[in-house]
């Protein structure tokens, strides 16, 4: 498969013209994911995983409920898929955080942000900018805390990398 995906434009354009118009976007880009109704990475900048899901430790759940992507403060944080923002504010140990209720019913939490760029009620798609990474709340350095839950409340977490993988997004 090539590194590019083609999307044909239809709609208000006459059929004779539409057949000649092709929008080319990089395969795997936020634009391609959104156009296909798919999912995207929460960050596209280079990162390292500074804390994995499920690691035992001094967390309220007794284990790490998400995965931490170490990135510089100010790195763009994007929605991984379509949904509605249900929280966009300072939230205890998460610091500045955004929670999106995904179309599939899961809740995705983006924590320790330096800046929030959305409000509750906003509809977002794959790749929509939510804010910027930071080190607010209980954080030892700049990173994105990425958490996926089955329900809105704390304690219903699932492995976020497996969740992304089930939606065609692979991060290591």
N, C-alpha and C. Protein backbone atom coordinates (compact mmCIF):
# COMPACT_ATOMS: atom_id res chain seq x y z
N UNK A 1 0.84 -1.18 0.00
CA UNK A 1 0.00 0.00 0.00
C UNK A 1 0.88 1.24 0.00
N UNK A 2 0.48 2.25 -0.74
CA UNK A 2 1.28 3.47 -0.81
C UNK A 2 1.09 4.30 0.44
N UNK A 3 1.94 5.31 0.57
CA UNK A 3 1.87 6.20 1.74
C UNK A 3 0.78 7.24 1.59
N UNK A 4 0.08 7.25 0.47
CA UNK A 4 -0.99 8.22 0.25
C UNK A 4 -2.30 7.51 0.01
N UNK A 5 -3.37 8.16 0.42
CA UNK A 5 -4.71 7.63 0.22
C UNK A 5 -5.47 8.67 -0.59
N UNK A 6 -6.27 8.25 -1.55
CA UNK A 6 -7.03 9.19 -2.36
C UNK A 6 -8.48 9.17 -1.95
N UNK A 7 -9.06 10.36 -1.85
CA UNK A 7 -10.46 10.51 -1.51
C UNK A 7 -11.12 11.31 -2.62
N UNK A 8 -12.11 10.77 -3.28
CA UNK A 8 -12.80 11.46 -4.35
C UNK A 8 -13.85 12.39 -3.76
N UNK A 9 -13.92 13.60 -4.29
CA UNK A 9 -14.89 14.58 -3.82
C UNK A 9 -16.19 14.45 -4.59
N UNK A 10 -17.31 14.39 -3.89
CA UNK A 10 -18.63 14.35 -4.50
C UNK A 10 -19.48 15.44 -3.88
N UNK A 11 -20.67 15.62 -4.34
CA UNK A 11 -21.57 16.58 -3.71
C UNK A 11 -22.05 17.60 -4.71
N UNK A 12 -21.79 18.87 -4.43
CA UNK A 12 -22.29 19.97 -5.26
C UNK A 12 -21.54 20.10 -6.58
N UNK A 13 -20.49 19.32 -6.76
CA UNK A 13 -19.70 19.39 -7.98
C UNK A 13 -20.36 18.50 -9.04
N UNK A 14 -20.53 19.00 -10.29
CA UNK A 14 -21.12 18.16 -11.34
C UNK A 14 -20.35 16.85 -11.49
N UNK A 15 -21.06 15.77 -11.82
CA UNK A 15 -20.47 14.44 -11.91
C UNK A 15 -19.28 14.40 -12.86
N UNK A 16 -19.35 15.11 -13.99
CA UNK A 16 -18.25 15.10 -14.96
C UNK A 16 -16.98 15.70 -14.35
N UNK A 17 -17.15 16.71 -13.51
CA UNK A 17 -16.01 17.35 -12.87
C UNK A 17 -15.55 16.53 -11.66
N UNK A 18 -16.51 15.99 -10.90
CA UNK A 18 -16.18 15.23 -9.70
C UNK A 18 -15.28 14.05 -10.00
N UNK A 19 -15.49 13.42 -11.15
CA UNK A 19 -14.67 12.25 -11.48
C UNK A 19 -13.21 12.64 -11.69
N UNK A 20 -12.95 13.90 -11.99
CA UNK A 20 -11.58 14.35 -12.21
C UNK A 20 -10.94 14.93 -10.95
N UNK A 21 -11.75 15.28 -9.96
CA UNK A 21 -11.23 15.88 -8.74
C UNK A 21 -10.87 14.80 -7.73
N UNK A 22 -9.65 14.83 -7.27
CA UNK A 22 -9.20 13.89 -6.25
C UNK A 22 -8.42 14.66 -5.20
N UNK A 23 -8.77 14.46 -3.94
CA UNK A 23 -8.05 15.07 -2.83
C UNK A 23 -7.09 14.02 -2.29
N UNK A 24 -5.81 14.32 -2.27
CA UNK A 24 -4.82 13.37 -1.78
C UNK A 24 -4.31 13.85 -0.43
N UNK A 25 -4.40 12.96 0.57
CA UNK A 25 -3.92 13.28 1.91
C UNK A 25 -2.99 12.17 2.35
N UNK A 26 -1.99 12.47 3.18
CA UNK A 26 -1.08 11.42 3.64
C UNK A 26 -1.83 10.32 4.37
N UNK A 27 -1.54 9.07 4.03
CA UNK A 27 -2.15 7.93 4.72
C UNK A 27 -1.77 7.98 6.19
N UNK A 28 -2.75 7.80 7.07
CA UNK A 28 -2.48 7.84 8.50
C UNK A 28 -2.59 9.23 9.11
N UNK A 29 -2.84 10.25 8.28
CA UNK A 29 -2.95 11.60 8.80
C UNK A 29 -4.30 11.79 9.49
N UNK A 30 -4.41 12.85 10.25
CA UNK A 30 -5.68 13.17 10.91
C UNK A 30 -6.77 13.38 9.87
N UNK A 31 -6.42 14.02 8.75
CA UNK A 31 -7.39 14.27 7.70
C UNK A 31 -7.90 12.96 7.10
N UNK A 32 -6.99 12.02 6.86
CA UNK A 32 -7.40 10.72 6.31
C UNK A 32 -8.26 9.97 7.31
N UNK A 33 -7.88 10.00 8.58
CA UNK A 33 -8.65 9.29 9.61
C UNK A 33 -10.05 9.87 9.72
N UNK A 34 -10.13 11.20 9.76
CA UNK A 34 -11.43 11.83 9.90
C UNK A 34 -12.29 11.56 8.68
N UNK A 35 -11.71 11.65 7.49
CA UNK A 35 -12.46 11.41 6.26
C UNK A 35 -12.98 9.99 6.21
N UNK A 36 -12.25 9.06 6.77
CA UNK A 36 -12.65 7.66 6.76
C UNK A 36 -13.49 7.31 8.00
N UNK A 37 -13.77 8.30 8.87
CA UNK A 37 -14.51 8.04 10.10
C UNK A 37 -13.71 7.25 11.10
N UNK A 38 -12.38 7.32 10.99
CA UNK A 38 -11.50 6.51 11.82
C UNK A 38 -10.94 7.21 13.03
N UNK A 39 -9.81 6.71 13.48
CA UNK A 39 -9.14 7.19 14.68
C UNK A 39 -7.74 7.68 14.33
N UNK A 40 -7.17 8.50 15.20
CA UNK A 40 -5.85 9.08 14.98
C UNK A 40 -5.05 9.03 16.28
N UNK A 41 -3.75 9.29 16.19
CA UNK A 41 -2.90 9.36 17.38
C UNK A 41 -3.23 10.60 18.19
N UNK A 42 -3.10 10.52 19.53
CA UNK A 42 -3.36 11.71 20.34
C UNK A 42 -2.26 12.77 20.20
N UNK A 43 -1.07 12.34 19.79
CA UNK A 43 0.05 13.24 19.52
C UNK A 43 0.76 12.72 18.27
N UNK A 44 1.30 13.64 17.49
CA UNK A 44 2.06 13.22 16.31
C UNK A 44 3.54 13.53 16.45
N UNK A 45 3.89 14.29 17.48
CA UNK A 45 5.30 14.63 17.72
C UNK A 45 6.05 13.40 18.24
N UNK A 46 7.37 13.39 18.12
CA UNK A 46 8.16 12.30 18.71
C UNK A 46 7.90 12.23 20.22
N UNK A 47 7.85 11.03 20.76
CA UNK A 47 7.55 10.84 22.17
C UNK A 47 8.26 9.59 22.69
N UNK A 48 8.29 9.47 24.00
CA UNK A 48 8.67 8.20 24.63
C UNK A 48 7.59 7.92 25.67
N UNK A 49 7.40 6.65 25.97
CA UNK A 49 6.43 6.28 27.01
C UNK A 49 7.17 6.32 28.34
N UNK A 50 6.75 7.25 29.20
CA UNK A 50 7.44 7.41 30.49
C UNK A 50 6.77 6.61 31.60
N UNK A 51 5.53 6.21 31.41
CA UNK A 51 4.85 5.34 32.37
C UNK A 51 3.78 4.55 31.63
N UNK A 52 3.84 3.24 31.73
CA UNK A 52 2.91 2.36 31.02
C UNK A 52 1.62 2.14 31.81
N UNK A 53 0.63 1.62 31.13
CA UNK A 53 -0.65 1.27 31.76
C UNK A 53 -0.46 0.09 32.71
N UNK A 54 -1.12 0.16 33.86
CA UNK A 54 -1.16 -0.96 34.79
C UNK A 54 0.00 -1.08 35.75
N UNK A 55 1.01 -0.23 35.62
CA UNK A 55 2.18 -0.30 36.49
C UNK A 55 1.74 -0.03 37.93
N UNK A 56 2.19 -0.86 38.87
CA UNK A 56 1.87 -0.65 40.29
C UNK A 56 2.50 0.64 40.77
N UNK A 57 1.84 1.28 41.72
CA UNK A 57 2.43 2.50 42.25
C UNK A 57 1.51 3.23 43.19
N UNK A 58 1.88 4.45 43.45
CA UNK A 58 1.19 5.29 44.41
C UNK A 58 0.06 6.08 43.74
N UNK A 59 -0.84 5.36 43.09
CA UNK A 59 -2.01 5.97 42.47
C UNK A 59 -3.23 5.51 43.25
N UNK A 60 -4.30 6.29 43.19
CA UNK A 60 -5.52 5.95 43.94
C UNK A 60 -6.04 4.55 43.58
N UNK A 61 -5.89 4.14 42.33
CA UNK A 61 -6.37 2.82 41.90
C UNK A 61 -5.37 1.72 42.23
N UNK A 62 -4.18 2.10 42.71
CA UNK A 62 -3.13 1.12 42.99
C UNK A 62 -2.30 0.77 41.78
N UNK A 63 -2.74 1.23 40.62
CA UNK A 63 -1.99 1.03 39.38
C UNK A 63 -2.18 2.26 38.49
N UNK A 64 -1.31 2.40 37.51
CA UNK A 64 -1.39 3.53 36.59
C UNK A 64 -2.55 3.29 35.63
N UNK A 65 -3.49 4.21 35.59
CA UNK A 65 -4.73 4.04 34.84
C UNK A 65 -4.65 4.47 33.38
N UNK A 66 -3.50 4.94 32.96
CA UNK A 66 -3.33 5.37 31.57
C UNK A 66 -1.92 5.10 31.12
N UNK A 67 -1.54 5.77 30.04
CA UNK A 67 -0.17 5.71 29.55
C UNK A 67 0.32 7.15 29.44
N UNK A 68 1.57 7.38 29.82
CA UNK A 68 2.14 8.72 29.76
C UNK A 68 3.09 8.83 28.58
N UNK A 69 2.81 9.79 27.70
CA UNK A 69 3.67 10.08 26.56
C UNK A 69 4.51 11.30 26.91
N UNK A 70 5.81 11.11 27.12
CA UNK A 70 6.70 12.22 27.44
C UNK A 70 6.93 13.05 26.17
N UNK A 71 6.50 14.30 26.23
CA UNK A 71 6.66 15.25 25.12
C UNK A 71 6.90 16.63 25.73
N UNK A 72 7.50 17.54 24.98
CA UNK A 72 7.72 18.88 25.51
C UNK A 72 6.41 19.61 25.80
N UNK A 73 6.42 20.51 26.77
CA UNK A 73 5.27 21.37 27.04
C UNK A 73 4.91 22.10 25.75
N UNK A 74 3.62 22.17 25.48
CA UNK A 74 3.13 22.87 24.29
C UNK A 74 2.90 21.97 23.09
N UNK A 75 3.19 20.68 23.20
CA UNK A 75 2.94 19.75 22.10
C UNK A 75 1.43 19.64 21.86
N UNK A 76 1.03 19.68 20.60
CA UNK A 76 -0.38 19.61 20.24
C UNK A 76 -0.99 18.27 20.68
N UNK A 77 -2.12 18.33 21.37
CA UNK A 77 -2.86 17.14 21.81
C UNK A 77 -4.16 17.09 21.01
N UNK A 78 -4.42 15.92 20.40
CA UNK A 78 -5.56 15.78 19.49
C UNK A 78 -6.52 14.68 19.95
N UNK A 79 -7.76 14.84 19.58
CA UNK A 79 -8.74 13.79 19.86
C UNK A 79 -8.40 12.57 19.02
N UNK A 80 -8.54 11.39 19.62
CA UNK A 80 -8.22 10.17 18.87
C UNK A 80 -9.37 9.73 17.98
N UNK A 81 -10.56 10.27 18.19
CA UNK A 81 -11.70 9.87 17.37
C UNK A 81 -12.88 10.79 17.59
N UNK A 82 -14.01 10.45 16.97
CA UNK A 82 -15.19 11.30 17.07
C UNK A 82 -15.88 11.18 18.43
N UNK A 83 -16.32 12.32 18.94
CA UNK A 83 -17.02 12.32 20.22
C UNK A 83 -17.41 13.72 20.65
N UNK A 84 -17.80 13.83 21.92
CA UNK A 84 -18.24 15.10 22.50
C UNK A 84 -17.44 15.38 23.76
N UNK A 85 -16.94 16.60 23.89
CA UNK A 85 -16.20 17.00 25.09
C UNK A 85 -17.19 17.07 26.25
N UNK A 86 -16.88 16.35 27.34
CA UNK A 86 -17.74 16.37 28.53
C UNK A 86 -17.07 17.06 29.71
N UNK A 87 -15.76 17.26 29.64
CA UNK A 87 -15.03 17.96 30.70
C UNK A 87 -13.85 18.69 30.06
N UNK A 88 -13.65 19.93 30.48
CA UNK A 88 -12.51 20.73 30.00
C UNK A 88 -12.18 21.75 31.07
N UNK A 89 -11.39 21.31 32.07
CA UNK A 89 -11.07 22.18 33.20
C UNK A 89 -9.99 21.52 34.04
N UNK A 90 -9.58 22.22 35.09
CA UNK A 90 -8.66 21.64 36.07
C UNK A 90 -9.40 20.53 36.79
N UNK A 91 -8.73 19.38 36.96
CA UNK A 91 -9.39 18.21 37.54
C UNK A 91 -8.44 17.45 38.46
N UNK A 92 -8.24 17.98 39.66
CA UNK A 92 -7.44 17.31 40.69
C UNK A 92 -6.04 16.95 40.22
N UNK A 93 -5.63 15.71 40.47
CA UNK A 93 -4.29 15.24 40.12
C UNK A 93 -4.01 15.28 38.62
N UNK A 94 -5.08 15.29 37.80
CA UNK A 94 -4.90 15.34 36.34
C UNK A 94 -4.50 16.74 35.87
N UNK A 95 -4.60 17.74 36.76
CA UNK A 95 -4.32 19.11 36.35
C UNK A 95 -5.35 19.55 35.34
N UNK A 96 -4.93 20.36 34.39
CA UNK A 96 -5.84 20.77 33.32
C UNK A 96 -6.09 19.54 32.46
N UNK A 97 -7.37 19.21 32.29
CA UNK A 97 -7.72 17.97 31.59
C UNK A 97 -8.92 18.16 30.68
N UNK A 98 -8.99 17.29 29.68
CA UNK A 98 -10.13 17.22 28.77
C UNK A 98 -10.60 15.77 28.76
N UNK A 99 -11.91 15.57 28.87
CA UNK A 99 -12.48 14.23 28.72
C UNK A 99 -13.46 14.27 27.55
N UNK A 100 -13.32 13.30 26.65
CA UNK A 100 -14.20 13.19 25.49
C UNK A 100 -14.98 11.89 25.59
N UNK A 101 -16.32 11.98 25.46
CA UNK A 101 -17.14 10.78 25.36
C UNK A 101 -17.14 10.39 23.89
N UNK A 102 -16.52 9.25 23.61
CA UNK A 102 -16.37 8.81 22.24
C UNK A 102 -17.70 8.29 21.69
N UNK A 103 -17.81 8.27 20.39
CA UNK A 103 -19.02 7.77 19.75
C UNK A 103 -19.30 6.31 20.14
N UNK A 104 -18.24 5.54 20.47
CA UNK A 104 -18.43 4.13 20.85
C UNK A 104 -18.79 3.97 22.33
N UNK A 105 -18.96 5.08 23.07
CA UNK A 105 -19.37 5.02 24.47
C UNK A 105 -18.23 5.08 25.48
N UNK A 106 -16.99 4.91 25.05
CA UNK A 106 -15.85 5.02 25.96
C UNK A 106 -15.58 6.50 26.27
N UNK A 107 -14.86 6.72 27.36
CA UNK A 107 -14.43 8.07 27.74
C UNK A 107 -12.92 8.12 27.66
N UNK A 108 -12.39 9.15 27.01
CA UNK A 108 -10.95 9.31 26.89
C UNK A 108 -10.54 10.57 27.64
N UNK A 109 -9.57 10.40 28.55
CA UNK A 109 -9.08 11.50 29.38
C UNK A 109 -7.69 11.90 28.89
N UNK A 110 -7.50 13.20 28.70
CA UNK A 110 -6.22 13.78 28.30
C UNK A 110 -5.79 14.67 29.47
N UNK A 111 -4.75 14.28 30.21
CA UNK A 111 -4.41 15.00 31.43
C UNK A 111 -3.07 15.71 31.41
N UNK A 112 -2.90 16.61 32.38
CA UNK A 112 -1.68 17.40 32.63
C UNK A 112 -1.43 18.43 31.53
N UNK A 113 -2.49 18.92 30.90
CA UNK A 113 -2.34 19.88 29.80
C UNK A 113 -1.87 21.24 30.30
N UNK A 114 -1.13 21.95 29.46
CA UNK A 114 -0.74 23.32 29.78
C UNK A 114 -1.81 24.30 29.30
N UNK A 115 -2.56 23.88 28.30
CA UNK A 115 -3.59 24.73 27.71
C UNK A 115 -4.74 23.87 27.23
N UNK A 116 -5.97 24.35 27.46
CA UNK A 116 -7.18 23.67 27.00
C UNK A 116 -7.79 24.51 25.90
N UNK A 117 -8.11 23.90 24.77
CA UNK A 117 -8.63 24.64 23.62
C UNK A 117 -10.07 24.30 23.25
N UNK A 118 -10.79 23.58 24.11
CA UNK A 118 -12.18 23.19 23.83
C UNK A 118 -13.03 23.45 25.08
N UNK A 119 -14.34 23.33 24.91
CA UNK A 119 -15.29 23.49 26.02
C UNK A 119 -16.25 22.32 26.02
N UNK A 120 -16.85 22.03 27.18
CA UNK A 120 -17.86 20.97 27.22
C UNK A 120 -18.95 21.23 26.19
N UNK A 121 -19.37 20.16 25.52
CA UNK A 121 -20.38 20.27 24.48
C UNK A 121 -19.81 20.31 23.08
N UNK A 122 -18.52 20.66 22.94
CA UNK A 122 -17.91 20.69 21.61
C UNK A 122 -17.87 19.30 21.00
N UNK A 123 -18.24 19.21 19.74
CA UNK A 123 -18.11 17.96 18.97
C UNK A 123 -16.71 17.95 18.37
N UNK A 124 -16.03 16.82 18.48
CA UNK A 124 -14.68 16.70 17.94
C UNK A 124 -14.60 15.48 17.04
N UNK A 125 -13.63 15.49 16.16
CA UNK A 125 -13.36 14.35 15.29
C UNK A 125 -11.93 13.89 15.47
N UNK A 126 -11.57 12.83 14.79
CA UNK A 126 -10.20 12.34 14.85
C UNK A 126 -9.25 13.44 14.41
N UNK A 127 -8.29 13.77 15.26
CA UNK A 127 -7.30 14.79 14.93
C UNK A 127 -7.66 16.19 15.37
N UNK A 128 -8.87 16.41 15.90
CA UNK A 128 -9.24 17.75 16.38
C UNK A 128 -8.34 18.16 17.54
N UNK A 129 -7.87 19.39 17.50
CA UNK A 129 -6.99 19.86 18.58
C UNK A 129 -7.80 20.10 19.85
N UNK A 130 -7.31 19.52 20.95
CA UNK A 130 -7.96 19.67 22.25
C UNK A 130 -7.23 20.65 23.14
N UNK A 131 -5.91 20.75 22.96
CA UNK A 131 -5.09 21.60 23.80
C UNK A 131 -3.63 21.30 23.59
N UNK A 132 -2.83 21.61 24.62
CA UNK A 132 -1.38 21.41 24.54
C UNK A 132 -0.89 20.67 25.78
N UNK A 133 0.11 19.84 25.59
CA UNK A 133 0.68 19.05 26.69
C UNK A 133 1.36 19.96 27.70
N UNK A 134 1.49 19.44 28.93
CA UNK A 134 2.13 20.22 29.97
C UNK A 134 2.50 19.37 31.16
N UNK A 135 2.51 19.99 32.33
CA UNK A 135 2.88 19.30 33.57
C UNK A 135 2.03 19.80 34.73
N UNK A 136 0.74 20.10 34.46
CA UNK A 136 -0.14 20.58 35.52
C UNK A 136 -0.63 19.42 36.37
N UNK A 137 -1.11 19.73 37.57
CA UNK A 137 -1.59 18.68 38.47
C UNK A 137 -0.43 17.91 39.06
N UNK A 138 -0.65 16.64 39.33
CA UNK A 138 0.39 15.80 39.93
C UNK A 138 1.24 15.19 38.82
N UNK A 139 2.27 15.90 38.43
CA UNK A 139 3.14 15.48 37.33
C UNK A 139 4.59 15.74 37.70
N UNK A 140 5.47 14.87 37.24
CA UNK A 140 6.90 15.04 37.52
C UNK A 140 7.64 15.69 36.36
N UNK A 141 6.96 15.89 35.25
CA UNK A 141 7.56 16.53 34.08
C UNK A 141 6.52 16.62 32.99
N UNK A 142 6.83 17.32 31.90
CA UNK A 142 5.85 17.50 30.83
C UNK A 142 5.54 16.18 30.11
N UNK A 143 4.25 15.92 29.96
CA UNK A 143 3.80 14.72 29.25
C UNK A 143 2.30 14.80 29.02
N UNK A 144 1.79 13.88 28.21
CA UNK A 144 0.35 13.70 28.05
C UNK A 144 -0.02 12.42 28.78
N UNK A 145 -0.92 12.52 29.76
CA UNK A 145 -1.51 11.33 30.38
C UNK A 145 -2.73 10.99 29.53
N UNK A 146 -2.73 9.80 28.94
CA UNK A 146 -3.80 9.35 28.04
C UNK A 146 -4.49 8.15 28.67
N UNK A 147 -5.77 8.29 28.96
CA UNK A 147 -6.52 7.26 29.70
C UNK A 147 -7.84 6.97 28.99
N UNK A 148 -8.22 5.71 28.95
CA UNK A 148 -9.49 5.30 28.35
C UNK A 148 -10.30 4.56 29.42
N UNK A 149 -11.59 4.92 29.52
CA UNK A 149 -12.49 4.31 30.50
C UNK A 149 -13.74 3.76 29.82
N UNK A 150 -14.31 2.72 30.42
CA UNK A 150 -15.59 2.17 29.94
C UNK A 150 -16.75 3.05 30.38
N UNK A 151 -16.60 3.73 31.51
CA UNK A 151 -17.62 4.62 32.04
C UNK A 151 -16.94 5.93 32.44
N UNK A 152 -17.73 6.95 32.72
CA UNK A 152 -17.14 8.26 33.01
C UNK A 152 -16.34 8.27 34.31
N UNK A 153 -16.78 7.50 35.30
CA UNK A 153 -16.15 7.53 36.61
C UNK A 153 -14.79 6.86 36.66
N UNK A 154 -14.01 7.28 37.64
CA UNK A 154 -12.68 6.73 37.89
C UNK A 154 -12.82 5.25 38.27
N UNK A 155 -11.89 4.41 37.80
CA UNK A 155 -11.88 3.00 38.17
C UNK A 155 -12.41 2.06 37.10
N UNK A 156 -12.82 2.59 35.96
CA UNK A 156 -13.30 1.74 34.87
C UNK A 156 -12.32 1.74 33.70
N UNK A 157 -11.04 1.99 34.01
CA UNK A 157 -10.02 2.14 32.97
C UNK A 157 -9.76 0.83 32.22
N UNK A 158 -9.38 1.00 30.96
CA UNK A 158 -8.95 -0.12 30.10
C UNK A 158 -7.59 0.26 29.53
N UNK A 159 -6.87 -0.72 29.01
CA UNK A 159 -5.55 -0.46 28.43
C UNK A 159 -5.70 0.47 27.22
N UNK A 160 -5.17 1.70 27.31
CA UNK A 160 -5.37 2.66 26.22
C UNK A 160 -4.67 2.28 24.92
N UNK A 161 -3.53 1.61 24.99
CA UNK A 161 -2.84 1.21 23.76
C UNK A 161 -3.61 0.11 23.04
N UNK A 162 -4.23 -0.79 23.78
CA UNK A 162 -5.08 -1.82 23.15
C UNK A 162 -6.32 -1.19 22.53
N UNK A 163 -6.89 -0.20 23.22
CA UNK A 163 -8.06 0.51 22.69
C UNK A 163 -7.71 1.15 21.34
N UNK A 164 -6.59 1.86 21.30
CA UNK A 164 -6.17 2.49 20.04
C UNK A 164 -5.92 1.44 18.97
N UNK A 165 -5.26 0.35 19.34
CA UNK A 165 -4.94 -0.71 18.40
C UNK A 165 -6.20 -1.31 17.78
N UNK A 166 -7.24 -1.49 18.59
CA UNK A 166 -8.52 -2.01 18.07
C UNK A 166 -9.13 -1.06 17.05
N UNK A 167 -8.73 0.20 17.10
CA UNK A 167 -9.24 1.20 16.15
C UNK A 167 -8.21 1.52 15.06
N UNK A 168 -7.21 0.67 14.92
CA UNK A 168 -6.24 0.82 13.83
C UNK A 168 -5.11 1.79 14.09
N UNK A 169 -4.94 2.24 15.33
CA UNK A 169 -3.86 3.18 15.67
C UNK A 169 -2.85 2.45 16.54
N UNK A 170 -1.61 2.42 16.10
CA UNK A 170 -0.57 1.68 16.82
C UNK A 170 0.51 2.63 17.32
N UNK A 171 0.74 2.57 18.63
CA UNK A 171 1.76 3.41 19.27
C UNK A 171 2.61 2.50 20.14
N UNK A 172 3.90 2.72 20.15
CA UNK A 172 4.81 1.91 20.97
C UNK A 172 5.72 2.80 21.76
